[in-house]
Amino acid sequence: MTEQRDLVENLGASTVHHGKQSDRIYLMRFDAADMPDLPVRLIKLAERDQYSKIVCKIPASYAQEFAVYGFAKEAVIPGYYNGREDCVFVSLFTKSSRKYPTEGKKIKEILDRALYRSKQEKAPPVLPDGFSAGIMSEKHADEIATVYREVFKTYPFPITEAEYIRSTIRDNVIYFGIRHHDRLVALSSIEASYKAENGEMTDFATLPDYRGRGLAGHLLHAMDDHFRKIGLKTAYTIARAVSPGMNLTFAGRGYRFGGTLINNTQIAGSLESMNIWYKAIGE
């Protein structure tokens, strides 16, 4: 039997991503036109499909209206909306067991290391000999999908499909790649929101044989530089809380910790907590 794919669909003028893979609803794009009924509509959808978590990315000015229905703040990204208004992630757990991280001790240890790293000066990374970096285009979609297929067994979005990669490039995603000679060996992307002047640094992947060479750090350095060129104001990422590499990479590039989304995303067959890191470009 084919596994049912999660859905991305409109709920009023807002957009939600939901399904059984992560057993949750994610309010991806909030529209104030849906207030004050949006929290109730989300709860009814969760009840209908028996999801154990609802997580919402909303302007901070609406947090209290969600709090009335039991939503609590898990994380914040200052200046998310045009550098002027904060974004908050507010969540409602419909099953109390999901409120507690499964690897709490490991998550704390990694976060402590990352926060210590953030206080240290770090020189810009330099690519090893034989490596080159650049922005990818639609003609590279098959190569991009191949790398993602090798790195990710499962993923919340179909980034292992070339046609999906092409559609995201046509929409709002900028992919960055590193090659070793002619072989594509590492990737990342900016999911740009030009209207709100922010972007998510996401979809980092390095082929197993090329890990431990700091390629993710070089990609992030290139992405930060490109951010300035296209005029976006706030960069952020949602990183696996149990991944030392990504948390240390962002902390080392001057990103600040915004909070942890508990048991938020299904990765490789289990629910994982995710850390928010953010940066005002120009800092």
Protein backbone atom coordinates (compact mmCIF):
# COMPACT_ATOMS: atom_id res chain seq x y z
CA MET A 1 0.00 0.00 0.00
CA THR A 2 1.30 3.45 -0.91
CA GLU A 3 1.87 5.76 2.05
CA GLN A 4 -0.51 8.70 2.00
CA ARG A 5 1.34 11.95 1.42
CA ASP A 6 0.81 14.95 3.68
CA LEU A 7 -1.35 17.73 2.27
CA VAL A 8 -0.64 21.41 1.70
CA GLU A 9 -3.94 23.22 1.33
CA ASN A 10 -5.78 26.42 2.07
CA LEU A 11 -7.79 26.90 5.22
CA GLY A 12 -9.62 30.09 4.39
CA ALA A 13 -6.95 32.51 3.16
CA SER A 14 -4.27 30.79 5.26
CA THR A 15 -2.19 27.74 4.26
CA VAL A 16 -1.70 24.56 6.30
CA HIS A 17 0.49 21.49 5.91
CA HIS A 18 -0.97 18.44 7.61
CA GLY A 19 -0.89 14.66 7.58
CA LYS A 20 -0.02 11.50 9.44
CA GLN A 21 3.71 11.52 8.61
CA SER A 22 4.35 14.08 11.35
CA ASP A 23 0.90 13.56 12.92
CA ARG A 24 0.29 17.29 13.09
CA ILE A 25 -1.07 20.43 11.50
CA TYR A 26 1.43 23.16 10.62
CA LEU A 27 -0.01 26.60 9.93
CA MET A 28 2.59 27.67 7.37
CA ARG A 29 1.08 30.94 6.19
CA PHE A 30 -1.19 33.00 8.41
CA ASP A 31 -3.74 35.46 7.02
CA ALA A 32 -5.39 37.90 9.41
CA ALA A 33 -8.59 37.70 7.31
CA ASP A 34 -9.23 34.30 8.93
CA MET A 35 -9.34 35.67 12.47
CA PRO A 36 -10.89 35.26 14.97
CA ASP A 37 -12.13 31.83 13.78
CA LEU A 38 -8.82 30.32 12.67
CA PRO A 39 -7.80 28.68 16.00
CA VAL A 40 -11.17 26.91 16.21
CA ARG A 41 -10.96 25.71 12.60
CA LEU A 42 -7.49 24.29 13.27
CA ILE A 43 -8.71 22.47 16.38
CA LYS A 44 -11.66 21.00 14.47
CA LEU A 45 -9.32 19.76 11.72
CA ALA A 46 -7.10 18.14 14.38
CA GLU A 47 -10.11 16.48 15.97
CA ARG A 48 -11.37 15.21 12.62
CA ASP A 49 -8.05 13.63 11.62
CA GLN A 50 -6.90 12.86 15.20
CA TYR A 51 -3.62 14.76 15.00
CA SER A 52 -1.62 15.04 18.23
CA LYS A 53 -0.11 18.49 17.60
CA ILE A 54 -0.98 21.81 15.98
CA VAL A 55 1.89 24.26 15.44
CA CYS A 56 1.24 27.76 14.07
CA LYS A 57 3.65 30.38 12.71
CA ILE A 58 1.88 33.69 13.39
CA PRO A 59 2.57 37.40 14.07
CA ALA A 60 3.29 38.00 17.75
CA SER A 61 0.37 40.43 17.93
CA TYR A 62 -2.06 37.50 17.49
CA ALA A 63 -0.49 35.20 20.11
CA GLN A 64 -2.98 36.12 22.82
CA GLU A 65 -5.95 35.26 20.59
CA PHE A 66 -4.48 31.77 20.11
CA ALA A 67 -3.59 31.49 23.82
CA VAL A 68 -7.30 31.70 24.68
CA TYR A 69 -7.69 28.27 23.02
CA GLY A 70 -4.70 26.72 24.80
CA PHE A 71 -1.91 27.46 22.31
CA ALA A 72 1.44 28.15 24.04
CA LYS A 73 4.57 29.77 22.64
CA GLU A 74 7.43 27.43 21.73
CA ALA A 75 9.72 29.75 19.76
CA VAL A 76 10.14 33.28 18.37
CA ILE A 77 11.84 34.89 15.36
CA PRO A 78 12.32 38.64 16.00
CA GLY A 79 11.78 40.89 12.99
CA TYR A 80 10.33 38.10 10.85
CA TYR A 81 7.80 40.40 9.21
CA ASN A 82 9.73 43.05 7.24
CA GLY A 83 12.19 43.49 10.09
CA ARG A 84 9.45 45.13 12.18
CA GLU A 85 7.20 42.51 13.78
CA ASP A 86 8.15 39.28 15.50
CA CYS A 87 6.88 35.86 14.49
CA VAL A 88 5.97 33.33 17.17
CA PHE A 89 5.45 29.59 16.92
CA VAL A 90 2.51 28.64 19.12
CA SER A 91 1.50 25.02 19.64
CA LEU A 92 -1.37 22.97 21.01
CA PHE A 93 -0.78 19.33 21.97
CA THR A 94 -3.91 17.20 21.83
CA LYS A 95 -2.03 14.23 23.38
CA SER A 96 -0.14 15.10 26.54
CA SER A 97 2.57 12.47 25.89
CA ARG A 98 3.80 14.47 22.89
CA LYS A 99 4.68 17.48 25.05
CA TYR A 100 7.88 15.87 26.34
CA PRO A 101 10.98 15.50 24.13
CA THR A 102 12.12 11.91 23.71
CA GLU A 103 15.82 12.86 23.86
CA GLY A 104 15.69 15.79 26.27
CA LYS A 105 19.15 15.27 27.77
CA LYS A 106 20.87 15.03 24.37
CA ILE A 107 18.97 18.08 23.08
CA LYS A 108 20.14 20.14 26.09
CA GLU A 109 23.76 19.02 25.70
CA ILE A 110 23.83 19.98 22.01
CA LEU A 111 22.14 23.31 22.67
CA ASP A 112 24.62 24.13 25.45
CA ARG A 113 27.52 23.43 23.06
CA ALA A 114 25.94 25.57 20.35
CA LEU A 115 25.30 28.49 22.68
CA TYR A 116 28.94 28.33 23.83
CA ARG A 117 30.04 28.24 20.17
CA SER A 118 27.96 31.34 19.42
CA LYS A 119 30.17 33.39 21.77
CA GLN A 120 33.34 32.54 19.88
CA GLU A 121 34.76 34.43 16.90
CA LYS A 122 34.85 32.30 13.79
CA ALA A 123 36.61 33.04 10.49
CA PRO A 124 34.67 32.58 7.23
CA PRO A 125 35.08 29.01 5.93
CA VAL A 126 37.34 28.27 2.98
CA LEU A 127 36.51 25.54 0.47
CA PRO A 128 39.12 22.77 0.13
CA ASP A 129 41.00 22.41 -3.15
CA GLY A 130 38.95 20.79 -5.88
CA PHE A 131 35.63 22.08 -4.54
CA SER A 132 33.48 24.85 -6.03
CA ALA A 133 30.18 26.44 -4.98
CA GLY A 134 27.37 28.18 -6.82
CA ILE A 135 23.65 28.78 -7.24
CA MET A 136 21.70 25.96 -8.89
CA SER A 137 19.09 26.31 -11.65
CA GLU A 138 16.23 24.24 -13.09
CA LYS A 139 18.67 22.37 -15.33
CA HIS A 140 20.24 20.91 -12.18
CA ALA A 141 16.93 19.57 -10.79
CA ASP A 142 17.71 15.89 -11.50
CA GLU A 143 21.11 16.16 -9.78
CA ILE A 144 19.55 17.94 -6.79
CA ALA A 145 16.84 15.31 -6.41
CA THR A 146 19.44 12.52 -6.64
CA VAL A 147 21.48 13.97 -3.76
CA TYR A 148 18.38 14.39 -1.60
CA ARG A 149 17.31 10.80 -2.33
CA GLU A 150 20.68 9.54 -1.12
CA VAL A 151 20.70 11.66 2.04
CA PHE A 152 17.07 11.52 3.21
CA LYS A 153 15.12 8.28 3.68
CA THR A 154 11.98 10.33 4.38
CA TYR A 155 11.23 14.06 4.30
CA PRO A 156 8.14 16.21 4.97
CA PHE A 157 8.18 17.57 1.39
CA PRO A 158 8.94 15.71 -1.91
CA ILE A 159 12.43 17.16 -2.46
CA THR A 160 13.57 13.81 -3.86
CA GLU A 161 11.50 14.45 -7.01
CA ALA A 162 13.05 16.53 -9.81
CA GLU A 163 9.76 18.06 -10.95
CA TYR A 164 9.06 19.29 -7.42
CA ILE A 165 12.54 20.88 -7.34
CA ARG A 166 11.82 22.65 -10.64
CA SER A 167 8.50 23.96 -9.34
CA THR A 168 10.12 25.37 -6.19
CA ILE A 169 12.83 27.11 -8.22
CA ARG A 170 10.13 28.72 -10.37
CA ASP A 171 8.33 29.77 -7.21
CA ASN A 172 10.57 31.13 -4.44
CA VAL A 173 13.41 28.70 -3.60
CA ILE A 174 17.10 29.38 -4.32
CA TYR A 175 19.31 26.28 -4.21
CA PHE A 176 23.04 26.38 -3.47
CA GLY A 177 25.39 23.53 -4.33
CA ILE A 178 28.97 22.46 -3.80
CA ARG A 179 30.76 20.28 -6.35
CA HIS A 180 33.83 18.14 -5.98
CA HIS A 181 35.19 18.37 -9.51
CA ASP A 182 32.01 17.56 -11.52
CA ARG A 183 30.06 15.76 -8.82
CA LEU A 184 27.37 17.56 -6.78
CA VAL A 185 28.13 16.63 -3.16
CA ALA A 186 26.34 19.15 -0.91
CA LEU A 187 23.19 21.26 -1.07
CA SER A 188 21.13 23.84 0.78
CA SER A 189 18.42 26.34 -0.08
CA ILE A 190 16.79 29.65 0.80
CA GLU A 191 12.99 29.55 0.83
CA ALA A 192 12.46 33.27 0.25
CA SER A 193 9.43 35.27 1.36
CA TYR A 194 9.89 38.53 -0.55
CA LYS A 195 6.66 40.05 0.77
CA ALA A 196 7.76 39.64 4.41
CA GLU A 197 11.47 40.16 3.54
CA ASN A 198 12.69 36.97 5.20
CA GLY A 199 13.94 33.55 4.24
CA GLU A 200 14.30 30.08 5.68
CA MET A 201 17.72 28.45 5.36
CA THR A 202 16.79 24.83 4.77
CA ASP A 203 17.29 21.47 3.02
CA PHE A 204 20.98 21.09 3.96
CA ALA A 205 22.38 17.81 2.72
CA THR A 206 25.93 16.46 2.29
CA LEU A 207 26.71 13.07 0.75
CA PRO A 208 28.05 10.64 3.39
CA ASP A 209 31.57 10.44 1.90
CA TYR A 210 31.96 14.23 2.11
CA ARG A 211 30.83 14.91 5.67
CA GLY A 212 33.19 16.39 8.25
CA ARG A 213 34.70 18.92 5.82
CA GLY A 214 32.65 21.94 6.88
CA LEU A 215 30.66 22.12 3.63
CA ALA A 216 27.44 23.14 5.40
CA GLY A 217 29.28 26.07 6.95
CA HIS A 218 30.48 27.21 3.55
CA LEU A 219 26.97 26.93 2.11
CA LEU A 220 25.57 29.01 4.96
CA HIS A 221 28.27 31.65 4.43
CA ALA A 222 27.33 31.87 0.73
CA MET A 223 23.63 32.05 1.59
CA ASP A 224 24.16 34.88 4.07
CA ASP A 225 26.00 36.86 1.39
CA HIS A 226 23.22 36.23 -1.15
CA PHE A 227 20.61 37.30 1.41
CA ARG A 228 22.12 40.78 1.43
CA LYS A 229 22.14 40.95 -2.38
CA ILE A 230 18.42 40.19 -2.72
CA GLY A 231 17.41 42.56 0.09
CA LEU A 232 15.92 40.18 2.65
CA LYS A 233 16.12 41.26 6.29
CA THR A 234 15.71 38.19 8.51
CA ALA A 235 17.16 34.71 8.04
CA TYR A 236 16.16 31.67 10.06
CA THR A 237 16.32 27.91 10.11
CA ILE A 238 14.47 25.03 11.73
CA ALA A 239 17.22 22.53 12.63
CA ARG A 240 17.03 19.03 14.09
CA ALA A 241 17.61 19.48 17.81
CA VAL A 242 19.59 16.21 18.01
CA SER A 243 21.94 17.19 15.16
CA PRO A 244 25.14 18.69 16.59
CA GLY A 245 26.46 19.71 13.17
CA MET A 246 23.62 21.98 12.07
CA ASN A 247 23.13 23.63 15.46
CA LEU A 248 26.86 24.32 15.78
CA THR A 249 27.03 25.56 12.18
CA PHE A 250 24.31 28.17 12.69
CA ALA A 251 25.54 29.22 16.11
CA GLY A 252 29.04 29.65 14.67
CA ARG A 253 27.70 31.97 11.97
CA GLY A 254 26.14 34.37 14.49
CA TYR A 255 22.59 32.99 14.49
CA ARG A 256 20.65 33.28 17.74
CA PHE A 257 18.55 30.61 19.43
CA GLY A 258 14.79 31.22 19.21
CA GLY A 259 13.33 28.16 20.95
CA THR A 260 12.58 24.46 20.49
CA LEU A 261 9.56 22.92 18.74
CA ILE A 262 8.96 19.74 20.75
CA ASN A 263 8.39 16.42 18.91
CA ASN A 264 7.57 18.44 15.84
CA THR A 265 8.69 16.71 12.64
CA GLN A 266 8.90 13.12 11.45
CA ILE A 267 12.41 12.42 10.16
CA ALA A 268 13.65 8.94 9.26
CA GLY A 269 10.67 7.27 10.90
CA SER A 270 10.46 9.05 14.26
CA LEU A 271 9.27 12.39 15.62
CA GLU A 272 12.09 14.84 16.33
CA SER A 273 12.26 18.17 18.13
CA MET A 274 13.47 21.15 16.12
CA ASN A 275 15.51 24.21 17.15
CA ILE A 276 14.88 27.68 15.73
CA TRP A 277 17.91 29.83 14.90
CA TYR A 278 17.58 33.35 13.45
CA LYS A 279 19.67 36.29 12.35
CA ALA A 280 18.99 39.89 11.34
CA ILE A 281 21.03 40.25 8.16
CA GLY A 282 23.48 43.08 8.63
CA GLU A 283 24.38 42.04 12.19
